[in-house]
């Protein structure tokens, strides 16, 4: 991550992907607050690079929903899942 940031810049899509992957690892370890920190930074970059309605943004929102669900924060999870679904439908269609 440090190398990606120094070579590619702070807001490069590859940096966002690495942060998202780190979030997945933290989530698998049960380190939910650490996972959310990584996902939130990934989401910030992905939105700045791709805009709000992009499949990568939807994927990160879905991952955040998974963390909230694991924490028992079901209302917050639904917000993330619903936004992820809205983006996927708008980009990919209903089928």
Protein backbone atom coordinates (compact mmCIF):
# COMPACT_ATOMS: atom_id res chain seq x y z
CA UNK A 1 0.00 0.00 0.00
CA UNK A 2 2.78 2.43 0.88
CA UNK A 3 4.48 1.75 -2.45
CA UNK A 4 1.22 2.04 -4.40
CA UNK A 5 0.51 5.39 -2.78
CA UNK A 6 3.99 6.75 -3.43
CA UNK A 7 4.13 5.54 -7.05
CA UNK A 8 0.50 5.87 -8.14
CA UNK A 9 -0.77 8.63 -5.86
CA UNK A 10 -3.17 8.66 -2.93
CA UNK A 11 -6.36 8.53 -5.01
CA UNK A 12 -5.51 5.86 -7.58
CA UNK A 13 -8.00 3.02 -8.20
CA UNK A 14 -5.32 0.45 -7.31
CA UNK A 15 -4.91 2.07 -3.89
CA UNK A 16 -8.68 1.81 -3.41
CA UNK A 17 -8.59 -1.87 -4.41
CA UNK A 18 -5.79 -2.59 -1.94
CA UNK A 19 -7.66 -0.81 0.85
CA UNK A 20 -10.78 -2.80 0.02
CA UNK A 21 -8.81 -6.05 0.13
CA UNK A 22 -7.31 -5.08 3.47
CA UNK A 23 -10.84 -4.49 4.70
CA UNK A 24 -11.78 -8.01 3.64
CA UNK A 25 -8.90 -9.43 5.67
CA UNK A 26 -9.78 -7.41 8.76
CA UNK A 27 -13.40 -8.46 8.39
CA UNK A 28 -12.40 -12.14 8.17
CA UNK A 29 -10.37 -11.67 11.36
CA UNK A 30 -13.35 -10.14 13.14
CA UNK A 31 -11.63 -6.73 13.33
CA UNK A 32 -14.73 -4.89 12.20
CA UNK A 33 -13.73 -1.34 13.12
CA UNK A 34 -10.44 -1.75 11.24
CA UNK A 35 -12.32 -3.19 8.27
CA UNK A 36 -14.67 -0.21 8.18
CA UNK A 37 -11.75 2.24 8.23
CA UNK A 38 -10.29 0.54 5.16
CA UNK A 39 -13.65 0.31 3.38
CA UNK A 40 -14.46 3.97 4.08
CA UNK A 41 -11.16 5.13 2.61
CA UNK A 42 -11.62 2.83 -0.38
CA UNK A 43 -15.13 4.20 -0.86
CA UNK A 44 -13.90 7.80 -0.71
CA UNK A 45 -11.31 7.13 -3.42
CA UNK A 46 -13.67 5.12 -5.62
CA UNK A 47 -16.32 7.83 -5.47
CA UNK A 48 -13.79 10.54 -6.30
CA UNK A 49 -12.39 8.54 -9.23
CA UNK A 50 -15.51 6.87 -10.64
CA UNK A 51 -18.43 8.90 -9.30
CA UNK A 52 -21.23 7.64 -7.10
CA UNK A 53 -22.80 5.17 -9.54
CA UNK A 54 -20.05 2.68 -10.34
CA UNK A 55 -19.86 -1.08 -9.70
CA UNK A 56 -16.70 -0.65 -7.60
CA UNK A 57 -18.55 1.78 -5.33
CA UNK A 58 -21.39 -0.73 -5.06
CA UNK A 59 -18.94 -3.49 -4.12
CA UNK A 60 -17.41 -1.49 -1.30
CA UNK A 61 -20.84 -0.50 0.01
CA UNK A 62 -21.81 -4.17 -0.03
CA UNK A 63 -18.68 -5.04 1.98
CA UNK A 64 -19.51 -2.34 4.51
CA UNK A 65 -23.01 -3.78 4.80
CA UNK A 66 -21.49 -7.15 5.56
CA UNK A 67 -19.49 -5.68 8.44
CA UNK A 68 -22.52 -3.94 9.90
CA UNK A 69 -24.50 -7.16 9.60
CA UNK A 70 -21.76 -9.11 11.41
CA UNK A 71 -21.85 -6.48 14.17
CA UNK A 72 -25.62 -6.86 14.52
CA UNK A 73 -26.18 -3.32 13.18
CA UNK A 74 -28.92 -4.43 10.84
CA UNK A 75 -30.39 -1.02 10.03
CA UNK A 76 -26.99 0.29 8.99
CA UNK A 77 -26.34 -2.88 7.00
CA UNK A 78 -29.60 -2.44 5.09
CA UNK A 79 -28.70 1.14 4.18
CA UNK A 80 -25.43 -0.04 2.64
CA UNK A 81 -26.99 -3.04 0.89
CA UNK A 82 -29.84 -0.95 -0.53
CA UNK A 83 -27.47 1.67 -1.92
CA UNK A 84 -25.28 -1.05 -3.40
CA UNK A 85 -28.30 -2.66 -5.05
CA UNK A 86 -29.54 0.69 -6.37
CA UNK A 87 -26.17 1.35 -8.03
CA UNK A 88 -25.95 -2.14 -9.52
CA UNK A 89 -29.46 -1.87 -10.94
CA UNK A 90 -28.78 1.56 -12.40
CA UNK A 91 -25.54 0.43 -14.02
CA UNK A 92 -26.25 -3.20 -14.87
CA UNK A 93 -30.04 -3.28 -15.11
CA UNK A 94 -32.56 -5.40 -13.26
CA UNK A 95 -31.82 -8.69 -15.01
